[in-house]
Amino acid sequence: MSFELPHKKDLATNAKLCGYLTENFEAIERALVDTDDIKTKLDKLQKALGLSDDDLNEL
């Protein structure tokens, strides 16, 4: 998964910096939540299929 920070190219030291950083951190947080959701779904699928971690490592 990849994501783009909203303001990675214009992080100038000015009055908007705080807002830019906030938006960037919110984008990172959303990406982390999405990653956790995907991991949860994969864990449920693994359990439903009856696969062990060793089984997955062999794939």
PDB file of N, CA and C in Angstrom:
ATOM      1  N   MET A   1       0.851  -1.164   0.000  1.00  0.00           N
ATOM      2  CA  MET A   1       0.000   0.000   0.000  1.00  0.00           C
ATOM      3  C   MET A   1       0.902   1.234   0.000  1.00  0.00           C
ATOM      4  N   SER A   2       0.535   2.210  -0.770  1.00  0.00           N
ATOM      5  CA  SER A   2       1.273   3.465  -0.746  1.00  0.00           C
ATOM      6  C   SER A   2       0.280   4.611  -0.626  1.00  0.00           C
ATOM      7  N   PHE A   3       0.770   5.685  -0.105  1.00  0.00           N
ATOM      8  CA  PHE A   3      -0.076   6.868   0.015  1.00  0.00           C
ATOM      9  C   PHE A   3       0.800   8.093  -0.161  1.00  0.00           C
ATOM     10  N   GLU A   4       0.179   9.164  -0.523  1.00  0.00           N
ATOM     11  CA  GLU A   4       0.877  10.423  -0.726  1.00  0.00           C
ATOM     12  C   GLU A   4       0.518  11.378   0.400  1.00  0.00           C
ATOM     13  N   LEU A   5       1.529  11.993   0.969  1.00  0.00           N
ATOM     14  CA  LEU A   5       1.265  13.040   1.946  1.00  0.00           C
ATOM     15  C   LEU A   5       0.742  14.255   1.196  1.00  0.00           C
ATOM     16  N   PRO A   6      -0.290  14.892   1.729  1.00  0.00           N
ATOM     17  CA  PRO A   6      -0.888  16.022   1.019  1.00  0.00           C
ATOM     18  C   PRO A   6       0.076  17.185   0.759  1.00  0.00           C
ATOM     19  N   HIS A   7       1.026  17.394   1.676  1.00  0.00           N
ATOM     20  CA  HIS A   7       1.859  18.591   1.560  1.00  0.00           C
ATOM     21  C   HIS A   7       3.342  18.281   1.659  1.00  0.00           C
ATOM     22  N   LYS A   8       3.797  17.202   1.034  1.00  0.00           N
ATOM     23  CA  LYS A   8       5.211  16.865   1.178  1.00  0.00           C
ATOM     24  C   LYS A   8       6.121  17.802   0.388  1.00  0.00           C
ATOM     25  N   LYS A   9       5.605  18.477  -0.606  1.00  0.00           N
ATOM     26  CA  LYS A   9       6.453  19.338  -1.436  1.00  0.00           C
ATOM     27  C   LYS A   9       6.433  20.801  -1.012  1.00  0.00           C
ATOM     28  N   ASP A  10       5.482  21.179  -0.184  1.00  0.00           N
ATOM     29  CA  ASP A  10       5.394  22.601   0.159  1.00  0.00           C
ATOM     30  C   ASP A  10       5.416  22.830   1.670  1.00  0.00           C
ATOM     31  N   LEU A  11       6.313  22.135   2.358  1.00  0.00           N
ATOM     32  CA  LEU A  11       6.431  22.321   3.805  1.00  0.00           C
ATOM     33  C   LEU A  11       7.354  23.494   4.115  1.00  0.00           C
ATOM     34  N   ALA A  12       6.960  24.661   3.683  1.00  0.00           N
ATOM     35  CA  ALA A  12       7.732  25.872   3.941  1.00  0.00           C
ATOM     36  C   ALA A  12       7.499  26.325   5.376  1.00  0.00           C
ATOM     37  N   THR A  13       8.468  27.030   5.904  1.00  0.00           N
ATOM     38  CA  THR A  13       8.312  27.567   7.254  1.00  0.00           C
ATOM     39  C   THR A  13       7.488  28.846   7.139  1.00  0.00           C
ATOM     40  N   ASN A  14       6.207  28.700   7.354  1.00  0.00           N
ATOM     41  CA  ASN A  14       5.325  29.850   7.292  1.00  0.00           C
ATOM     42  C   ASN A  14       4.099  29.584   8.156  1.00  0.00           C
ATOM     43  N   ALA A  15       3.140  30.428   8.090  1.00  0.00           N
ATOM     44  CA  ALA A  15       1.956  30.324   8.933  1.00  0.00           C
ATOM     45  C   ALA A  15       1.140  29.074   8.641  1.00  0.00           C
ATOM     46  N   LYS A  16       1.283  28.476   7.473  1.00  0.00           N
ATOM     47  CA  LYS A  16       0.500  27.302   7.098  1.00  0.00           C
ATOM     48  C   LYS A  16       1.157  25.989   7.525  1.00  0.00           C
ATOM     49  N   LEU A  17       2.375  26.046   8.033  1.00  0.00           N
ATOM     50  CA  LEU A  17       3.122  24.832   8.360  1.00  0.00           C
ATOM     51  C   LEU A  17       2.363  23.941   9.332  1.00  0.00           C
ATOM     52  N   CYS A  18       1.812  24.513  10.375  1.00  0.00           N
ATOM     53  CA  CYS A  18       1.083  23.725  11.374  1.00  0.00           C
ATOM     54  C   CYS A  18      -0.076  22.965  10.731  1.00  0.00           C
ATOM     55  N   GLY A  19      -0.826  23.633   9.885  1.00  0.00           N
ATOM     56  CA  GLY A  19      -1.941  22.986   9.194  1.00  0.00           C
ATOM     57  C   GLY A  19      -1.474  21.888   8.254  1.00  0.00           C
ATOM     58  N   TYR A  20      -0.360  22.141   7.547  1.00  0.00           N
ATOM     59  CA  TYR A  20       0.196  21.134   6.642  1.00  0.00           C
ATOM     60  C   TYR A  20       0.621  19.887   7.411  1.00  0.00           C
ATOM     61  N   LEU A  21       1.318  20.105   8.525  1.00  0.00           N
ATOM     62  CA  LEU A  21       1.769  18.971   9.330  1.00  0.00           C
ATOM     63  C   LEU A  21       0.585  18.180   9.880  1.00  0.00           C
ATOM     64  N   THR A  22      -0.444  18.878  10.300  1.00  0.00           N
ATOM     65  CA  THR A  22      -1.635  18.208  10.810  1.00  0.00           C
ATOM     66  C   THR A  22      -2.262  17.334   9.730  1.00  0.00           C
ATOM     67  N   GLU A  23      -2.403  17.861   8.540  1.00  0.00           N
ATOM     68  CA  GLU A  23      -2.984  17.079   7.442  1.00  0.00           C
ATOM     69  C   GLU A  23      -2.101  15.879   7.091  1.00  0.00           C
ATOM     70  N   ASN A  24      -0.784  16.065   7.126  1.00  0.00           N
ATOM     71  CA  ASN A  24       0.115  14.944   6.840  1.00  0.00           C
ATOM     72  C   ASN A  24      -0.021  13.853   7.898  1.00  0.00           C
ATOM     73  N   PHE A  25      -0.067  14.228   9.165  1.00  0.00           N
ATOM     74  CA  PHE A  25      -0.222  13.235  10.230  1.00  0.00           C
ATOM     75  C   PHE A  25      -1.571  12.531  10.143  1.00  0.00           C
ATOM     76  N   GLU A  26      -2.599  13.246   9.742  1.00  0.00           N
ATOM     77  CA  GLU A  26      -3.907  12.609   9.572  1.00  0.00           C
ATOM     78  C   GLU A  26      -3.858  11.585   8.433  1.00  0.00           C
ATOM     79  N   ALA A  27      -3.134  11.894   7.365  1.00  0.00           N
ATOM     80  CA  ALA A  27      -2.988  10.951   6.252  1.00  0.00           C
ATOM     81  C   ALA A  27      -2.239   9.704   6.714  1.00  0.00           C
ATOM     82  N   ILE A  28      -1.197   9.887   7.513  1.00  0.00           N
ATOM     83  CA  ILE A  28      -0.443   8.754   8.045  1.00  0.00           C
ATOM     84  C   ILE A  28      -1.333   7.910   8.952  1.00  0.00           C
ATOM     85  N   GLU A  29      -2.098   8.568   9.804  1.00  0.00           N
ATOM     86  CA  GLU A  29      -2.996   7.841  10.706  1.00  0.00           C
ATOM     87  C   GLU A  29      -4.017   7.013   9.931  1.00  0.00           C
ATOM     88  N   ARG A  30      -4.597   7.593   8.872  1.00  0.00           N
ATOM     89  CA  ARG A  30      -5.561   6.848   8.054  1.00  0.00           C
ATOM     90  C   ARG A  30      -4.903   5.627   7.415  1.00  0.00           C
ATOM     91  N   ALA A  31      -3.673   5.778   6.949  1.00  0.00           N
ATOM     92  CA  ALA A  31      -2.954   4.653   6.336  1.00  0.00           C
ATOM     93  C   ALA A  31      -2.701   3.551   7.359  1.00  0.00           C
ATOM     94  N   LEU A  32      -2.362   3.928   8.577  1.00  0.00           N
ATOM     95  CA  LEU A  32      -2.137   2.929   9.625  1.00  0.00           C
ATOM     96  C   LEU A  32      -3.423   2.196   9.984  1.00  0.00           C
ATOM     97  N   VAL A  33      -4.528   2.921  10.050  1.00  0.00           N
ATOM     98  CA  VAL A  33      -5.820   2.297  10.343  1.00  0.00           C
ATOM     99  C   VAL A  33      -6.187   1.324   9.222  1.00  0.00           C
ATOM    100  N   ASP A  34      -5.974   1.742   7.974  1.00  0.00           N
ATOM    101  CA  ASP A  34      -6.248   0.861   6.839  1.00  0.00           C
ATOM    102  C   ASP A  34      -5.402  -0.405   6.915  1.00  0.00           C
ATOM    103  N   THR A  35      -4.134  -0.255   7.304  1.00  0.00           N
ATOM    104  CA  THR A  35      -3.245  -1.404   7.435  1.00  0.00           C
ATOM    105  C   THR A  35      -3.746  -2.356   8.513  1.00  0.00           C
ATOM    106  N   ASP A  36      -4.187  -1.798   9.646  1.00  0.00           N
ATOM    107  CA  ASP A  36      -4.728  -2.639  10.718  1.00  0.00           C
ATOM    108  C   ASP A  36      -5.979  -3.369  10.260  1.00  0.00           C
ATOM    109  N   ASP A  37      -6.842  -2.689   9.502  1.00  0.00           N
ATOM    110  CA  ASP A  37      -8.058  -3.325   8.985  1.00  0.00           C
ATOM    111  C   ASP A  37      -7.720  -4.486   8.056  1.00  0.00           C
ATOM    112  N   ILE A  38      -6.731  -4.289   7.210  1.00  0.00           N
ATOM    113  CA  ILE A  38      -6.322  -5.345   6.283  1.00  0.00           C
ATOM    114  C   ILE A  38      -5.761  -6.532   7.056  1.00  0.00           C
ATOM    115  N   LYS A  39      -4.935  -6.265   8.067  1.00  0.00           N
ATOM    116  CA  LYS A  39      -4.358  -7.346   8.871  1.00  0.00           C
ATOM    117  C   LYS A  39      -5.458  -8.128   9.571  1.00  0.00           C
ATOM    118  N   THR A  40      -6.451  -7.437  10.117  1.00  0.00           N
ATOM    119  CA  THR A  40      -7.560  -8.108  10.789  1.00  0.00           C
ATOM    120  C   THR A  40      -8.310  -9.014   9.814  1.00  0.00           C
ATOM    121  N   LYS A  41      -8.568  -8.512   8.614  1.00  0.00           N
ATOM    122  CA  LYS A  41      -9.272  -9.313   7.610  1.00  0.00           C
ATOM    123  C   LYS A  41      -8.453 -10.524   7.193  1.00  0.00           C
ATOM    124  N   LEU A  42      -7.150 -10.348   7.038  1.00  0.00           N
ATOM    125  CA  LEU A  42      -6.294 -11.471   6.668  1.00  0.00           C
ATOM    126  C   LEU A  42      -6.231 -12.521   7.778  1.00  0.00           C
ATOM    127  N   ASP A  43      -6.189 -12.069   9.027  1.00  0.00           N
ATOM    128  CA  ASP A  43      -6.197 -13.004  10.154  1.00  0.00           C
ATOM    129  C   ASP A  43      -7.492 -13.816  10.190  1.00  0.00           C
ATOM    130  N   LYS A  44      -8.613 -13.154   9.934  1.00  0.00           N
ATOM    131  CA  LYS A  44      -9.905 -13.858   9.908  1.00  0.00           C
ATOM    132  C   LYS A  44      -9.946 -14.868   8.762  1.00  0.00           C
ATOM    133  N   LEU A  45      -9.430 -14.487   7.617  1.00  0.00           N
ATOM    134  CA  LEU A  45      -9.399 -15.386   6.465  1.00  0.00           C
ATOM    135  C   LEU A  45      -8.499 -16.592   6.745  1.00  0.00           C
ATOM    136  N   GLN A  46      -7.349 -16.336   7.349  1.00  0.00           N
ATOM    137  CA  GLN A  46      -6.437 -17.420   7.697  1.00  0.00           C
ATOM    138  C   GLN A  46      -7.119 -18.411   8.634  1.00  0.00           C
ATOM    139  N   LYS A  47      -7.816 -17.885   9.627  1.00  0.00           N
ATOM    140  CA  LYS A  47      -8.508 -18.751  10.585  1.00  0.00           C
ATOM    141  C   LYS A  47      -9.629 -19.531   9.897  1.00  0.00           C
ATOM    142  N   ALA A  48     -10.377 -18.870   9.042  1.00  0.00           N
ATOM    143  CA  ALA A  48     -11.490 -19.527   8.349  1.00  0.00           C
ATOM    144  C   ALA A  48     -10.995 -20.650   7.437  1.00  0.00           C
ATOM    145  N   LEU A  49      -9.828 -20.455   6.838  1.00  0.00           N
ATOM    146  CA  LEU A  49      -9.272 -21.473   5.955  1.00  0.00           C
ATOM    147  C   LEU A  49      -8.506 -22.551   6.722  1.00  0.00           C
ATOM    148  N   GLY A  50      -8.317 -22.328   8.017  1.00  0.00           N
ATOM    149  CA  GLY A  50      -7.614 -23.299   8.835  1.00  0.00           C
ATOM    150  C   GLY A  50      -6.130 -23.389   8.530  1.00  0.00           C
ATOM    151  N   LEU A  51      -5.531 -22.265   8.169  1.00  0.00           N
ATOM    152  CA  LEU A  51      -4.115 -22.242   7.826  1.00  0.00           C
ATOM    153  C   LEU A  51      -3.285 -21.774   9.019  1.00  0.00           C
ATOM    154  N   SER A  52      -2.140 -22.425   9.206  1.00  0.00           N
ATOM    155  CA  SER A  52      -1.218 -21.985  10.253  1.00  0.00           C
ATOM    156  C   SER A  52      -0.255 -20.956   9.666  1.00  0.00           C
ATOM    157  N   ASP A  53       0.519 -20.332  10.534  1.00  0.00           N
ATOM    158  CA  ASP A  53       1.518 -19.387  10.048  1.00  0.00           C
ATOM    159  C   ASP A  53       2.547 -20.093   9.177  1.00  0.00           C
ATOM    160  N   ASP A  54       2.888 -21.328   9.529  1.00  0.00           N
ATOM    161  CA  ASP A  54       3.831 -22.115   8.717  1.00  0.00           C
ATOM    162  C   ASP A  54       3.269 -22.356   7.318  1.00  0.00           C
ATOM    163  N   ASP A  55       1.965 -22.633   7.244  1.00  0.00           N
ATOM    164  CA  ASP A  55       1.342 -22.830   5.929  1.00  0.00           C
ATOM    165  C   ASP A  55       1.494 -21.585   5.063  1.00  0.00           C
ATOM    166  N   LEU A  56       1.307 -20.439   5.680  1.00  0.00           N
ATOM    167  CA  LEU A  56       1.397 -19.183   4.925  1.00  0.00           C
ATOM    168  C   LEU A  56       2.840 -18.903   4.506  1.00  0.00           C
ATOM    169  N   ASN A  57       3.793 -19.263   5.356  1.00  0.00           N
ATOM    170  CA  ASN A  57       5.196 -19.032   5.006  1.00  0.00           C
ATOM    171  C   ASN A  57       5.636 -19.865   3.823  1.00  0.00           C
ATOM    172  N   GLU A  58       4.962 -20.990   3.602  1.00  0.00           N
ATOM    173  CA  GLU A  58       5.320 -21.857   2.477  1.00  0.00           C
ATOM    174  C   GLU A  58       4.803 -21.317   1.140  1.00  0.00           C
ATOM    175  N   LEU A  59       3.857 -20.401   1.191  1.00  0.00           N
ATOM    176  CA  LEU A  59       3.278 -19.866  -0.044  1.00  0.00           C
ATOM    177  C   LEU A  59       4.230 -18.945  -0.762  1.00  0.00           C
TER     178      LEU A  59
END
